[in-house]
Protein backbone atom coordinates (compact mmCIF):
# COMPACT_ATOMS: atom_id res chain seq x y z
CA MET A 1 153.10 80.46 77.35
CA ILE A 2 155.47 80.83 80.38
CA GLU A 3 157.52 78.03 79.17
CA ASN A 4 157.99 79.13 75.85
CA LEU A 5 159.15 82.66 77.17
CA GLN A 6 161.48 80.91 79.37
CA LEU A 7 162.94 79.04 76.20
CA GLY A 8 163.28 82.45 74.33
CA LEU A 9 165.15 84.25 77.08
CA GLU A 10 167.30 81.45 77.61
CA THR A 11 167.97 81.40 73.86
CA ALA A 12 168.26 85.24 72.94
CA LEU A 13 170.27 86.06 76.51
CA SER A 14 173.18 83.48 75.65
CA ALA A 15 176.21 85.18 75.27
CA GLN A 16 176.72 84.32 71.66
CA ASN A 17 173.32 85.45 70.73
CA LEU A 18 173.72 88.64 72.72
CA LEU A 19 177.04 89.70 70.98
CA TRP A 20 175.46 88.86 67.33
CA CYS A 21 172.27 90.78 68.14
CA PHE A 22 174.35 93.83 69.11
CA VAL A 23 176.73 93.44 65.91
CA GLY A 24 173.27 93.37 63.85
CA VAL A 25 171.56 96.61 65.47
CA LEU A 26 174.73 98.43 65.36
CA ALA A 27 175.34 97.76 61.54
CA GLY A 28 171.80 98.27 61.02
CA THR A 29 172.17 101.55 62.24
CA VAL A 30 174.88 102.84 60.14
CA ILE A 31 173.32 101.01 57.04
CA GLY A 32 170.03 103.04 57.51
CA MET A 33 171.85 106.23 57.95
CA LEU A 34 173.31 105.68 54.50
CA PRO A 35 170.69 106.61 51.84
CA GLY A 36 169.97 104.30 49.56
CA LEU A 37 170.67 101.29 51.25
CA GLY A 38 167.99 100.36 53.43
CA SER A 39 167.13 97.46 55.71
CA ALA A 40 166.57 95.09 52.52
CA THR A 41 170.01 95.91 50.91
CA GLY A 42 171.59 95.35 54.27
CA VAL A 43 169.81 92.29 55.30
CA ALA A 44 171.03 91.02 51.34
CA ILE A 45 174.64 92.14 51.49
CA LEU A 46 175.38 90.69 55.22
CA LEU A 47 173.49 87.30 54.78
CA PRO A 48 176.43 85.62 53.43
CA VAL A 49 178.23 86.45 56.37
CA THR A 50 175.87 84.69 58.62
CA LEU A 51 176.02 80.93 56.60
CA SER A 52 178.54 79.72 58.95
CA MET A 53 176.48 80.74 62.18
CA GLU A 54 173.93 78.64 64.07
CA PRO A 55 170.14 79.51 62.15
CA VAL A 56 168.96 80.96 65.25
CA THR A 57 172.16 83.09 65.87
CA ALA A 58 172.12 84.08 62.15
CA LEU A 59 168.29 84.97 62.22
CA ILE A 60 168.81 87.46 65.50
CA MET A 61 171.52 89.23 63.68
CA LEU A 62 169.58 89.49 60.59
CA ALA A 63 166.50 90.74 62.26
CA GLY A 64 168.65 93.24 64.16
CA ILE A 65 169.87 94.61 60.92
CA TYR A 66 166.09 94.86 59.85
CA TYR A 67 164.76 97.27 62.95
CA GLY A 68 168.50 98.86 63.30
CA SER A 69 168.46 100.19 60.18
CA GLN A 70 164.73 101.74 60.42
CA TYR A 71 165.88 103.76 63.51
CA GLY A 72 169.33 104.64 61.35
CA ALA A 73 167.13 105.81 58.56
CA SER A 74 165.19 107.91 60.78
CA THR A 75 168.42 110.02 62.20
CA SER A 76 169.53 110.92 58.39
CA SER A 77 165.77 112.07 57.73
CA ILE A 78 166.23 114.13 60.88
CA LEU A 79 169.48 115.26 61.14
CA LEU A 80 169.74 116.07 57.02
CA ALA A 81 166.38 115.53 55.60
CA THR A 82 167.81 112.96 53.62
CA PRO A 83 165.52 109.84 54.02
CA GLY A 84 167.69 106.26 54.43
CA ASP A 85 164.47 104.41 53.42
CA SER A 86 160.98 104.95 51.96
CA SER A 87 159.57 104.33 55.95
CA SER A 88 161.52 107.50 57.07
CA VAL A 89 160.26 109.91 54.85
CA VAL A 90 157.55 111.09 56.79
CA LEU A 91 159.93 112.09 59.66
CA THR A 92 161.76 114.54 57.29
CA LEU A 93 158.25 116.96 57.80
CA ASP A 94 158.62 117.61 61.54
CA GLY A 95 162.08 115.76 62.72
CA TYR A 96 164.14 118.08 60.26
CA ARG A 97 162.27 121.38 61.35
CA MET A 98 163.01 120.49 65.44
CA ALA A 99 166.59 120.11 64.10
CA ARG A 100 166.35 123.33 62.44
CA ARG A 101 165.06 125.10 65.95
CA GLY A 102 167.80 123.60 67.49
CA ARG A 103 166.11 120.56 69.33
CA ALA A 104 168.05 117.88 66.97
CA GLY A 105 168.99 115.74 69.82
CA ALA A 106 165.47 116.11 71.36
CA ALA A 107 163.83 114.46 68.15
CA LEU A 108 166.68 111.58 67.90
CA ALA A 109 165.72 111.03 71.36
CA ILE A 110 162.14 110.99 70.95
CA ALA A 111 162.78 108.73 67.98
CA ALA A 112 164.40 106.24 69.97
CA ILE A 113 161.93 105.85 72.58
CA ALA A 114 158.83 105.80 70.45
CA SER A 115 160.79 102.49 68.80
CA PHE A 116 160.99 101.21 72.01
CA VAL A 117 157.30 101.72 72.97
CA ALA A 118 156.96 100.11 69.91
CA SER A 119 158.73 97.10 70.39
CA ILE A 120 157.79 96.43 73.75
CA LEU A 121 153.99 96.74 73.02
CA THR A 122 154.28 94.47 69.30
CA LEU A 123 156.58 92.35 71.50
CA VAL A 124 153.42 91.52 73.90
CA ALA A 125 150.93 90.91 70.93
CA LEU A 126 153.31 89.18 68.85
CA LEU A 127 153.64 86.81 71.76
CA VAL A 128 150.03 86.48 72.54
CA VAL A 129 148.14 87.21 69.38
CA ALA A 130 150.31 86.26 66.48
CA GLN A 131 148.43 83.03 65.05
CA PRO A 132 145.01 84.50 65.69
CA ILE A 133 145.93 87.80 64.14
CA ALA A 134 147.78 85.99 60.88
CA ASP A 135 144.46 83.74 60.50
CA ILE A 136 142.69 87.20 60.34
CA ALA A 137 145.08 88.74 58.10
CA LEU A 138 144.22 85.95 55.54
CA ARG A 139 140.79 87.04 55.36
CA PHE A 140 141.86 90.19 53.44
CA GLY A 141 141.76 89.89 49.98
CA PRO A 142 142.52 92.46 47.13
CA PRO A 143 139.35 94.25 47.83
CA GLU A 144 140.20 94.86 51.36
CA MET A 145 143.73 95.68 50.17
CA LEU A 146 142.50 98.39 47.79
CA ALA A 147 140.17 99.83 50.20
CA ILE A 148 142.97 100.22 52.93
CA ILE A 149 145.22 102.02 50.15
CA ILE A 150 142.13 104.14 49.69
CA LEU A 151 141.84 104.98 53.28
CA GLY A 152 145.64 105.75 53.35
CA LEU A 153 144.88 107.85 50.33
CA SER A 154 142.45 109.67 52.43
CA THR A 155 145.15 111.34 54.84
CA ILE A 156 146.14 113.69 51.95
CA VAL A 157 143.82 116.35 53.87
CA THR A 158 146.28 116.09 56.69
CA PHE A 159 149.48 116.38 54.73
CA ALA A 160 147.81 119.32 52.62
CA GLY A 161 147.86 121.56 54.91
CA GLN A 162 145.67 124.89 54.44
CA ASN A 163 145.41 124.24 50.85
CA VAL A 164 143.62 121.10 50.13
CA LEU A 165 143.22 121.56 46.58
CA ARG A 166 147.13 121.81 46.36
CA GLY A 167 147.30 118.33 48.29
CA ILE A 168 145.12 116.69 46.19
CA MET A 169 146.91 117.88 43.14
CA MET A 170 150.15 117.02 44.22
CA ALA A 171 148.79 113.35 45.28
CA ALA A 172 147.55 113.08 41.94
CA VAL A 173 151.19 114.11 40.28
CA GLY A 174 152.37 111.27 42.56
CA LEU A 175 150.10 108.58 41.01
CA LEU A 176 150.77 109.35 37.62
CA ALA A 177 154.74 109.14 38.31
CA SER A 178 154.07 105.81 40.13
CA MET A 179 152.94 104.68 36.68
CA VAL A 180 155.74 105.19 34.66
CA GLY A 181 157.30 101.55 33.56
CA ILE A 182 155.58 98.05 32.70
CA ALA A 183 151.81 98.42 33.73
CA ALA A 184 150.89 96.06 36.53
CA GLY A 185 149.12 92.84 35.01
CA PHE A 186 150.06 94.17 31.03
CA PRO A 187 153.02 94.07 29.23
CA VAL A 188 152.53 97.71 28.28
CA ALA A 189 155.20 100.48 29.00
CA ARG A 190 153.81 103.97 30.19
CA PHE A 191 155.33 107.15 30.16
CA THR A 192 158.98 105.62 29.27
CA PHE A 193 159.46 107.92 25.99
CA GLY A 194 161.22 104.96 24.71
CA SER A 195 164.03 104.96 27.37
CA VAL A 196 165.10 101.37 28.75
CA ASN A 197 165.79 103.16 32.15
CA LEU A 198 162.46 104.17 32.62
CA LEU A 199 160.60 100.36 32.10
CA GLY A 200 161.38 99.57 35.71
CA GLY A 201 159.91 102.82 36.95
CA LEU A 202 161.18 105.59 39.08
CA GLU A 203 163.44 104.32 41.62
CA PHE A 204 161.39 105.58 44.98
CA VAL A 205 164.47 106.46 47.13
CA ALA A 206 166.47 108.36 44.15
CA VAL A 207 163.52 110.25 43.91
CA MET A 208 163.29 110.88 47.82
CA ILE A 209 166.95 111.87 48.03
CA GLY A 210 166.34 114.39 45.19
CA LEU A 211 162.88 115.90 46.24
CA PHE A 212 164.24 116.45 50.16
CA ALA A 213 168.24 116.75 50.45
CA VAL A 214 168.97 117.80 46.90
CA ALA A 215 165.78 120.50 47.24
CA GLU A 216 166.56 121.59 50.75
CA VAL A 217 170.43 122.37 49.97
CA VAL A 218 169.31 124.13 46.74
CA HIS A 219 166.88 126.00 48.77
CA GLN A 220 169.29 127.16 51.83
CA ILE A 221 171.35 128.34 49.17
CA HIS A 222 169.15 130.32 47.29
CA ARG A 223 168.04 131.99 50.82
CA GLY A 224 171.87 132.60 51.33
CA GLY A 225 172.32 130.00 53.63
CA GLU A 226 171.78 129.80 57.50
CA LYS A 227 174.33 130.16 60.34
CA PRO A 228 175.14 126.58 61.77
CA ILE A 229 173.06 125.72 64.73
CA ARG A 230 175.17 127.10 68.19
CA ALA A 231 172.78 125.13 70.40
CA GLY A 232 174.38 124.20 74.02
CA PHE A 233 173.93 120.88 75.20
CA ARG A 234 171.04 121.30 77.05
CA ASP A 235 169.12 122.32 73.95
CA LEU A 236 169.74 119.09 72.47
CA VAL A 237 168.31 116.88 75.22
CA LEU A 238 164.79 116.00 75.66
CA ASN A 239 162.90 118.13 78.10
CA ARG A 240 159.83 116.94 80.57
CA THR A 241 157.16 118.72 78.00
CA GLU A 242 158.30 116.95 74.83
CA LEU A 243 158.67 113.45 76.82
CA GLY A 244 155.24 113.72 78.29
CA ARG A 245 153.85 114.70 74.43
CA THR A 246 155.76 111.39 73.16
CA PHE A 247 153.73 108.52 74.85
CA ALA A 248 149.90 108.87 73.48
CA PRO A 249 151.13 109.52 69.78
CA ALA A 250 153.71 106.43 70.02
CA LEU A 251 150.81 104.24 71.63
CA ARG A 252 148.51 105.16 68.33
CA GLY A 253 151.15 104.56 66.04
CA SER A 254 152.32 101.60 67.59
CA GLY A 255 148.46 100.29 67.40
CA LEU A 256 148.20 101.29 63.96
CA GLY A 257 151.47 100.37 62.67
CA PHE A 258 150.81 96.47 64.09
CA GLY A 259 147.26 96.26 62.36
CA LEU A 260 148.80 97.15 59.18
CA GLY A 261 152.42 95.31 59.49
CA VAL A 262 150.21 92.10 59.80
CA LEU A 263 149.17 92.98 56.40
CA PRO A 264 151.58 91.18 53.62
CA GLY A 265 152.48 94.05 51.09
CA ALA A 266 151.02 96.93 53.33
CA GLY A 267 154.30 97.47 55.21
CA ALA A 268 156.20 100.28 57.46
CA THR A 269 155.96 103.11 54.71
CA LEU A 270 152.09 102.83 54.61
CA ALA A 271 151.99 102.52 58.36
CA SER A 272 154.30 105.77 58.94
CA PHE A 273 152.08 107.81 56.41
CA MET A 274 148.75 106.95 57.99
CA SER A 275 149.95 107.33 61.56
CA TYR A 276 150.93 110.99 60.57
CA GLY A 277 147.47 111.81 59.41
CA LEU A 278 145.81 110.20 62.32
CA GLU A 279 147.90 112.48 64.59
CA GLY A 280 146.51 115.07 62.49
CA GLN A 281 142.89 114.42 63.16
CA VAL A 282 143.21 113.58 66.89
CA GLY A 283 146.30 114.87 68.25
CA ARG A 284 146.15 117.64 71.00
CA HIS A 285 148.57 119.46 68.96
CA ARG A 286 147.49 118.68 65.45
CA LYS A 287 147.89 122.67 64.18
CA GLU A 288 151.91 122.41 64.80
CA LEU A 289 152.29 119.48 62.83
CA GLY A 290 154.78 120.36 59.82
CA SER A 291 156.29 123.12 62.04
CA GLY A 292 158.40 120.69 64.26
CA ALA A 293 155.76 119.18 66.57
CA VAL A 294 156.66 116.00 68.72
CA GLU A 295 153.55 114.14 67.46
CA GLY A 296 155.11 113.95 63.91
CA VAL A 297 158.33 112.17 64.84
CA ALA A 298 156.93 110.16 67.76
CA GLY A 299 153.65 108.47 65.97
CA PRO A 300 155.33 107.87 62.37
CA GLU A 301 158.21 106.36 64.11
CA ALA A 302 156.26 103.93 66.57
CA ALA A 303 154.15 103.22 63.77
CA ASN A 304 157.55 102.29 61.59
CA ASN A 305 158.94 100.27 64.05
CA ALA A 306 155.69 98.16 64.92
CA ALA A 307 155.04 97.27 61.12
CA ALA A 308 158.36 96.13 61.15
CA ASN A 309 158.07 93.84 64.16
CA ALA A 310 154.41 92.95 62.90
CA SER A 311 155.46 91.73 59.22
CA PHE A 312 157.12 88.87 61.14
CA ILE A 313 154.13 87.02 62.15
CA PRO A 314 152.67 86.31 58.53
CA THR A 315 156.52 85.28 57.67
CA LEU A 316 156.80 82.69 60.59
CA THR A 317 152.99 81.55 60.99
CA LEU A 318 152.08 81.36 57.12
CA GLY A 319 155.27 81.61 55.47
CA VAL A 320 154.25 84.54 53.60
CA PRO A 321 156.56 87.48 53.39
CA GLY A 322 155.11 90.93 55.39
CA SER A 323 157.54 93.24 53.48
CA GLY A 324 160.27 93.15 51.25
CA THR A 325 163.22 92.80 54.03
CA THR A 326 161.23 89.96 55.57
CA ALA A 327 161.00 88.24 51.80
CA ILE A 328 165.05 88.09 52.00
CA LEU A 329 164.68 86.67 55.54
CA LEU A 330 162.58 83.73 54.25
CA GLY A 331 165.05 83.10 51.92
CA ALA A 332 167.07 83.05 54.87
CA PHE A 333 165.04 80.39 56.60
CA VAL A 334 165.28 78.16 53.60
CA ILE A 335 169.00 78.46 53.45
CA PHE A 336 168.76 77.06 56.99
CA GLY A 337 166.91 74.20 56.39
CA LEU A 338 163.56 75.49 57.97
CA GLN A 339 160.01 75.90 56.42
CA PRO A 340 158.26 79.09 58.07
CA GLY A 341 154.63 78.19 58.93
CA PRO A 342 152.30 76.48 61.46
CA LEU A 343 154.85 73.95 62.07
CA LEU A 344 157.56 75.93 62.90
CA PHE A 345 156.52 76.75 66.35
CA GLU A 346 156.14 72.90 67.03
CA GLN A 347 159.05 71.86 65.49
CA HIS A 348 161.46 75.01 66.42
CA PRO A 349 160.38 76.51 69.67
CA ASP A 350 163.75 77.79 70.58
CA LEU A 351 164.34 79.20 67.15
CA VAL A 352 161.03 80.93 67.38
CA TRP A 353 160.82 82.44 70.65
CA GLY A 354 164.46 83.27 70.99
CA LEU A 355 164.25 85.41 67.90
CA LEU A 356 160.84 87.13 69.15
CA VAL A 357 162.34 87.72 72.45
CA SER A 358 165.84 89.05 70.74
CA PHE A 359 163.35 91.87 69.32
CA PHE A 360 163.24 93.22 72.60
CA VAL A 361 166.54 92.79 73.81
CA GLY A 362 167.87 94.50 70.23
CA ASN A 363 165.51 97.37 70.55
CA LEU A 364 166.75 97.95 74.27
CA ILE A 365 170.23 97.61 73.02
CA LEU A 366 169.47 100.55 70.39
CA LEU A 367 167.69 102.27 73.44
CA VAL A 368 170.56 102.15 75.47
CA LEU A 369 173.34 102.70 72.65
CA ASN A 370 171.24 105.51 70.88
CA LEU A 371 169.69 107.76 73.52
CA PRO A 372 172.77 108.79 74.94
CA LEU A 373 174.66 109.51 71.45
CA ALA A 374 171.66 111.38 70.38
CA PRO A 375 172.99 115.06 71.20
CA VAL A 376 176.42 113.39 70.06
CA PHE A 377 174.95 112.67 66.41
CA ALA A 378 173.05 116.45 66.97
CA GLN A 379 176.33 118.11 66.35
CA VAL A 380 176.16 117.04 62.46
CA LEU A 381 174.23 120.12 62.41
CA ARG A 382 176.97 122.50 63.99
CA VAL A 383 179.31 121.66 60.92
CA PRO A 384 179.58 124.52 58.67
CA TYR A 385 177.04 124.27 56.05
CA SER A 386 179.81 124.97 53.22
CA TYR A 387 181.09 121.48 54.50
CA LEU A 388 178.03 119.97 55.11
CA TYR A 389 175.97 120.18 51.91
CA PRO A 390 178.65 119.20 50.08
CA LEU A 391 178.72 115.98 52.02
CA ILE A 392 174.60 115.54 51.89
CA LEU A 393 174.69 115.50 47.99
CA LEU A 394 177.91 113.51 48.06
CA LEU A 395 176.08 110.76 50.21
CA GLY A 396 172.53 111.19 48.27
CA PHE A 397 174.35 110.96 44.91
CA VAL A 398 176.41 107.93 45.85
CA GLY A 399 173.14 106.20 47.65
CA ALA A 400 171.05 106.56 44.64
CA TYR A 401 173.93 105.26 42.37
CA ALA A 402 174.23 102.13 44.76
CA ILE A 403 170.80 101.67 44.13
CA GLY A 404 170.39 101.83 40.36
CA ASN A 405 173.88 100.64 39.45
CA ASN A 406 173.91 103.37 36.74
CA THR A 407 174.04 106.96 35.96
CA PHE A 408 170.18 107.44 35.11
CA ALA A 409 169.43 107.03 38.69
CA LEU A 410 171.80 110.28 39.12
CA TRP A 411 169.75 112.47 36.53
CA VAL A 412 166.54 111.31 38.41
CA VAL A 413 167.88 112.84 41.26
CA LEU A 414 168.67 116.12 39.59
CA VAL A 415 165.25 116.33 38.20
CA ALA A 416 163.43 115.47 41.51
CA GLY A 417 165.86 117.99 43.25
CA VAL A 418 164.81 120.69 40.61
CA VAL A 419 161.33 119.66 41.20
CA GLY A 420 161.58 119.82 45.13
CA TYR A 421 163.00 123.01 45.18
CA PHE A 422 160.26 124.89 43.00
CA MET A 423 157.72 123.05 45.18
CA LYS A 424 159.15 124.36 48.13
CA ARG A 425 159.41 127.89 46.53
CA PHE A 426 156.08 127.92 45.37
CA ASP A 427 154.42 126.17 48.88
CA PHE A 428 153.36 122.93 47.09
CA PRO A 429 153.11 120.30 49.95
CA ALA A 430 155.44 117.54 49.30
CA ALA A 431 154.21 114.62 51.47
CA PRO A 432 150.68 114.24 49.74
CA PHE A 433 153.38 113.52 45.91
CA VAL A 434 155.09 110.88 48.27
CA LEU A 435 151.94 109.40 49.47
CA GLY A 436 150.86 108.92 45.59
CA LEU A 437 154.17 107.73 44.63
CA VAL A 438 154.39 104.83 47.39
CA LEU A 439 150.91 103.70 47.02
CA GLY A 440 150.33 104.15 43.24
CA PRO A 441 151.83 100.62 42.58
CA LEU A 442 149.98 98.79 45.58
CA MET A 443 146.79 100.45 44.32
CA GLU A 444 146.99 99.51 40.76
CA ARG A 445 147.84 96.16 41.54
CA ALA A 446 144.74 95.90 43.99
CA LEU A 447 142.53 97.67 41.66
CA ASP A 448 143.53 94.79 38.68
CA GLN A 449 143.02 92.23 41.12
CA THR A 450 139.63 93.22 42.39
CA SER A 451 138.55 94.15 39.18
CA SER A 452 139.48 90.35 37.90
CA MET A 453 137.42 89.00 41.03
CA GLY A 454 134.66 91.03 40.43
CA ARG A 455 134.63 90.38 36.49
CA GLY A 456 134.86 94.21 35.76
CA ASP A 457 132.45 94.76 38.63
CA LEU A 458 134.09 97.26 41.02
CA THR A 459 130.66 96.90 43.15
CA ILE A 460 132.60 93.97 45.04
CA LEU A 461 134.15 96.75 47.17
CA VAL A 462 130.52 97.41 48.67
CA ASP A 463 129.57 93.99 48.71
CA ARG A 464 132.03 92.78 50.92
CA PRO A 465 131.34 93.77 54.66
CA LEU A 466 134.96 94.58 55.59
CA SER A 467 136.32 96.61 52.45
CA ALA A 468 132.75 98.51 52.66
CA THR A 469 133.54 99.30 56.41
CA ILE A 470 137.03 100.56 55.45
CA LEU A 471 135.77 102.28 52.56
CA GLY A 472 133.58 104.08 54.89
CA ALA A 473 136.20 105.17 57.29
CA ALA A 474 138.07 106.46 54.36
CA VAL A 475 134.99 108.67 53.21
CA LEU A 476 134.88 110.13 56.77
CA ALA A 477 138.43 110.43 56.98
CA PHE A 478 138.59 112.68 53.85
CA VAL A 479 135.22 114.84 54.52
CA LEU A 480 135.28 115.00 58.57
CA PRO A 481 138.45 117.32 58.92
CA PRO A 482 137.07 119.91 56.45
CA VAL A 483 134.04 119.74 57.69
CA LEU A 484 134.74 120.14 61.35
CA ARG A 485 137.68 122.92 60.39
CA GLU A 486 134.40 125.08 59.00
CA ILE A 487 132.52 124.26 62.07
CA ARG A 488 135.14 125.59 64.14
CA SER A 489 135.95 128.51 62.27
CA ARG A 490 132.28 129.63 62.51
CA ARG A 491 132.05 129.59 66.21
CA ARG A 492 135.55 131.43 66.56
CA ARG A 493 133.89 134.15 63.97
CA THR A 494 130.46 133.98 65.83
CA ALA A 495 132.09 134.40 69.82
CA ALA A 496 134.24 137.27 68.30
CA ARG A 497 131.42 139.17 66.53
CA ALA A 498 129.55 138.39 69.99
CA GLU A 499 132.43 140.09 71.87
CA GLU A 500 132.44 142.92 69.71
CA ALA A 501 128.78 143.54 70.35
CA VAL A 502 129.39 143.16 73.83
CA ASP A 503 132.33 145.57 73.61
CA ALA A 504 130.01 148.18 71.61
CA ASP A 505 127.13 147.91 73.92
CA GLY A 506 129.39 148.65 77.14
CA GLY A 507 131.01 151.83 75.13
CA ALA A 508 127.17 152.95 74.38
CA HIS A 509 126.28 152.78 77.98
CA VAL A 510 129.11 154.31 79.33
């Protein structure tokens, strides 16, 4: 292990690899800030640029684009409520509210620190337990994946706020919206209404741009607009209390994100949502979630970064992509004549360990680059909104058009914007809808495969110990929060009545 680390350090810290790692994370940050591009598109666009490089240098740069874009997407979510990538949607819930309160720089700093904490922890895990965890991940079949997705849906209780029924309803609508297009495993078109453009389903990022960015702009205009934030430099810098509240959720998010990132197909999006749900269950400041809580930024951002790093485990050890972006990176391995799998660690140790150590180097560059620039980025919110709102709409529509490459994506943004505006106006939570939209395709595919394995008998879910355990955890995650909330409420009412009785008795005695 020590020899491998020394070999990785020598490879990653060479002048050429350091330079291209810096170029990768910088390009990734910029790409992530632009709505609609995302890490997969960024890696695909810049892959041809690397063909003349050495394989290890090219892969270090492409990996830098991957996790750099994760942070860039978080920046646009926090500052403009415009998710650059599906995994950064959750950050609009608390990150953008922190920005509206004049704490934009602090929110960006929290995201940078949480990303760095996650990178350190996942790097250690990657170095130590990559192969054993990959072997465990192989035991996860469709029933286990279906159980994990159900566990993810159980976090609706956290996202729904005070009205759980509305949250469940919005999650159901999200699941219905995810069914638009060709059915998984069957050549049947659903909810397309004869439109060819809907055969591929609703483009997720286009819906998110409308649901969050366009809806927020329309909502602010309806309220008469707000004055630009006039916070001083000190107001944009992270204070000691916020720093202290960052590490615990970052640690929890790192563990959760790493565990989910190892599973092929689970991805950073599910990890970020489940991390937010976890903070709603165990966080000390869970009542502040949704109103600009530090935990709502640190936990999901750490989970996002950890899942992105962990997705390299099945990619490198098994040759199975852990996410859409690593699928493109898998193609890069093949282009350079490399075959990911168990033999890769033996045949090309300098490449594997150099790539793994570069994760730490790249995230350190991201921290050094973005932490001092967080207050500078936050100055975007000081631009008069008469200029800022058109810019947000322009970026959103251009990003949506870049994804779909047709004008239909613009109509999706508009419709989603109108829906999002009315959801804001009548206090319907958007997060459960997004959760349903994200997990719908994954759930349908896993359900179809599970049904095939059980020959139509879904009791296979409870017959397999691992999936049964996960299902039990899902039931507890859904049932326990309302029960505990009711118990706490009854205790408060009992205590209040006891105090009133004591006061009344004291008054009568006097």
